[in-house]
Amino acid sequence: MDKRPELTRNISNKDFKEFYWYKKELIEFCCVEKLDRQAGQIDLTNRIE
């Protein structure tokens, strides 16, 4: 199994889609990137993609 990359602005779309991300991680990413973080896990994932 590949090591999961860090969730940052520089992550490739392929790597982002390949791994599971906890909602907490998605919310933290949205905070840093100034994206709306008020959503469910699926919506957050789609927003980041």
C-alpha atoms as a PDB file:
ATOM      1  CA  MET A   1       0.000   0.000   0.000  1.00  0.00           C
ATOM      2  CA  ASP A   2       1.270   3.458  -0.879  1.00  0.00           C
ATOM      3  CA  LYS A   3       1.895   6.003   1.829  1.00  0.00           C
ATOM      4  CA  ARG A   4      -0.908   8.538   1.930  1.00  0.00           C
ATOM      5  CA  PRO A   5       0.245  11.992   0.810  1.00  0.00           C
ATOM      6  CA  GLU A   6      -0.277  15.136   2.837  1.00  0.00           C
ATOM      7  CA  LEU A   7      -3.479  16.978   1.997  1.00  0.00           C
ATOM      8  CA  THR A   8      -2.194  20.297   0.689  1.00  0.00           C
ATOM      9  CA  ARG A   9      -2.913  22.622  -2.213  1.00  0.00           C
ATOM     10  CA  ASN A  10      -0.191  20.803  -4.200  1.00  0.00           C
ATOM     11  CA  ILE A  11      -1.749  17.331  -4.065  1.00  0.00           C
ATOM     12  CA  SER A  12      -2.618  15.947  -7.471  1.00  0.00           C
ATOM     13  CA  ASN A  13      -6.239  15.195  -8.251  1.00  0.00           C
ATOM     14  CA  LYS A  14      -5.258  11.563  -8.837  1.00  0.00           C
ATOM     15  CA  ASP A  15      -3.676  11.263  -5.381  1.00  0.00           C
ATOM     16  CA  PHE A  16      -6.591  13.057  -3.749  1.00  0.00           C
ATOM     17  CA  LYS A  17      -9.092  10.640  -5.292  1.00  0.00           C
ATOM     18  CA  GLU A  18      -6.956   7.568  -4.540  1.00  0.00           C
ATOM     19  CA  PHE A  19      -7.026   7.934  -0.753  1.00  0.00           C
ATOM     20  CA  TYR A  20      -9.690   8.163   1.946  1.00  0.00           C
ATOM     21  CA  TRP A  21      -9.849  11.487   3.803  1.00  0.00           C
ATOM     22  CA  TYR A  22     -11.536  11.985   7.165  1.00  0.00           C
ATOM     23  CA  LYS A  23     -14.078  14.773   7.380  1.00  0.00           C
ATOM     24  CA  LYS A  24     -11.900  16.528   9.960  1.00  0.00           C
ATOM     25  CA  GLU A  25      -9.017  16.603   7.463  1.00  0.00           C
ATOM     26  CA  LEU A  26     -11.263  17.978   4.728  1.00  0.00           C
ATOM     27  CA  ILE A  27     -12.575  20.708   7.034  1.00  0.00           C
ATOM     28  CA  GLU A  28      -9.042  21.697   8.050  1.00  0.00           C
ATOM     29  CA  PHE A  29      -8.023  21.895   4.385  1.00  0.00           C
ATOM     30  CA  CYS A  30     -11.056  24.061   3.579  1.00  0.00           C
ATOM     31  CA  CYS A  31     -10.186  26.402   6.456  1.00  0.00           C
ATOM     32  CA  VAL A  32      -6.629  26.853   5.192  1.00  0.00           C
ATOM     33  CA  GLU A  33      -7.765  27.381   1.599  1.00  0.00           C
ATOM     34  CA  LYS A  34     -10.676  29.643   2.631  1.00  0.00           C
ATOM     35  CA  LEU A  35     -13.326  27.343   1.171  1.00  0.00           C
ATOM     36  CA  ASP A  36     -16.784  26.900   2.654  1.00  0.00           C
ATOM     37  CA  ARG A  37     -16.501  24.090   5.197  1.00  0.00           C
ATOM     38  CA  GLN A  38     -20.186  23.749   6.047  1.00  0.00           C
ATOM     39  CA  ALA A  39     -21.077  20.502   4.294  1.00  0.00           C
ATOM     40  CA  GLY A  40     -21.035  16.757   4.563  1.00  0.00           C
ATOM     41  CA  GLN A  41     -17.996  14.662   3.776  1.00  0.00           C
ATOM     42  CA  ILE A  42     -19.043  13.902   0.196  1.00  0.00           C
ATOM     43  CA  ASP A  43     -19.763  17.555  -0.577  1.00  0.00           C
ATOM     44  CA  LEU A  44     -16.445  18.625   0.948  1.00  0.00           C
ATOM     45  CA  THR A  45     -14.621  16.050  -1.151  1.00  0.00           C
ATOM     46  CA  ASN A  46     -16.354  17.271  -4.313  1.00  0.00           C
ATOM     47  CA  ARG A  47     -15.604  20.898  -3.433  1.00  0.00           C
ATOM     48  CA  ILE A  48     -11.892  20.186  -2.979  1.00  0.00           C
ATOM     49  CA  GLU A  49     -11.702  18.174  -6.184  1.00  0.00           C
END
